[in-house]
Amino acid sequence: MDRFPFPDDLIEAQREWHAAYRALAAPRPRHVTEMRRRLLLMSVRIEWHPFWSTPAGWSPAARVELRRLTAGGRQAEAA
């Protein structure tokens, strides 16, 4: 059972944020302005999502868990 009941749209926004960030981190990325705008848009959607106003979302651990959940195995590569 999940400790935090994240809504699907919040999970998808965080996954898109990770994808945009990885695309910008690639050597010599193309369409940099578009990717930066996408990253900014996803950041705003995540930051102002209504979930953070619920009791489950008040915990700073919820934000950490969302990033961990959506990182796509990046944590395992770093270890």
Protein backbone atom coordinates (compact mmCIF):
# COMPACT_ATOMS: atom_id res chain seq x y z
CA MET A 1 0.00 0.00 0.00
CA ASP A 2 1.24 3.47 -0.85
CA ARG A 3 1.98 5.73 2.06
CA PHE A 4 0.85 8.79 0.12
CA PRO A 5 -2.22 8.64 -2.14
CA PHE A 6 -0.80 10.68 -5.02
CA PRO A 7 -3.30 11.60 -7.75
CA ASP A 8 -2.52 10.29 -11.23
CA ASP A 9 -2.16 13.76 -12.75
CA LEU A 10 0.44 14.72 -10.14
CA ILE A 11 2.44 11.56 -10.80
CA GLU A 12 2.30 12.19 -14.55
CA ALA A 13 3.41 15.81 -14.12
CA GLN A 14 6.40 14.70 -12.04
CA ARG A 15 7.33 12.07 -14.64
CA GLU A 16 7.15 14.69 -17.39
CA TRP A 17 9.31 16.99 -15.25
CA HIS A 18 11.97 14.26 -14.95
CA ALA A 19 11.83 13.62 -18.71
CA ALA A 20 12.25 17.31 -19.53
CA TYR A 21 15.11 17.64 -17.05
CA ARG A 22 16.93 14.63 -18.51
CA ALA A 23 16.44 15.98 -22.04
CA LEU A 24 17.99 19.31 -21.03
CA ALA A 25 20.89 17.53 -19.32
CA ALA A 26 21.83 15.69 -22.53
CA PRO A 27 24.90 16.98 -24.36
CA ARG A 28 24.01 19.66 -26.91
CA PRO A 29 20.21 19.39 -26.61
CA ARG A 30 17.97 20.73 -29.36
CA HIS A 31 14.91 22.92 -28.81
CA VAL A 32 16.29 24.15 -25.50
CA THR A 33 13.81 27.01 -25.13
CA GLU A 34 10.83 24.70 -25.60
CA MET A 35 12.22 22.20 -23.12
CA ARG A 36 12.88 24.91 -20.54
CA ARG A 37 9.32 26.17 -20.93
CA ARG A 38 8.03 22.62 -20.50
CA LEU A 39 10.14 22.17 -17.37
CA LEU A 40 8.82 25.44 -15.95
CA LEU A 41 5.21 24.49 -16.75
CA MET A 42 5.60 21.10 -15.07
CA SER A 43 7.24 22.76 -12.05
CA VAL A 44 4.25 25.09 -11.64
CA ARG A 45 1.74 22.25 -12.03
CA ILE A 46 3.55 20.21 -9.39
CA GLU A 47 4.08 23.07 -6.94
CA TRP A 48 0.48 24.33 -7.05
CA HIS A 49 -1.28 20.97 -7.24
CA PRO A 50 -4.26 20.73 -4.82
CA PHE A 51 -2.81 17.54 -3.30
CA TRP A 52 -0.31 19.61 -1.31
CA SER A 53 -3.25 21.24 0.54
CA THR A 54 -4.47 17.90 1.89
CA PRO A 55 -3.25 16.41 5.19
CA ALA A 56 -1.29 13.74 3.27
CA GLY A 57 0.44 16.43 1.22
CA TRP A 58 1.52 18.59 4.14
CA SER A 59 4.48 16.38 4.95
CA PRO A 60 7.80 17.27 3.30
CA ALA A 61 8.30 13.52 3.01
CA ALA A 62 5.44 13.42 0.50
CA ARG A 63 7.43 15.56 -1.96
CA VAL A 64 10.49 13.37 -1.52
CA GLU A 65 8.42 10.23 -2.03
CA LEU A 66 6.85 11.64 -5.20
CA ARG A 67 10.29 12.34 -6.68
CA ARG A 68 11.54 8.90 -5.64
CA LEU A 69 8.46 7.18 -7.05
CA THR A 70 8.77 8.88 -10.44
CA ALA A 71 12.54 8.94 -10.87
CA GLY A 72 12.44 5.90 -13.13
CA GLY A 73 15.24 3.91 -11.52
CA ARG A 74 17.64 6.84 -11.28
CA GLN A 75 18.10 6.19 -7.54
CA ALA A 76 19.31 2.64 -8.18
CA GLU A 77 21.88 3.90 -10.71
CA ALA A 78 23.32 6.38 -8.21
CA ALA A 79 23.82 3.73 -5.52
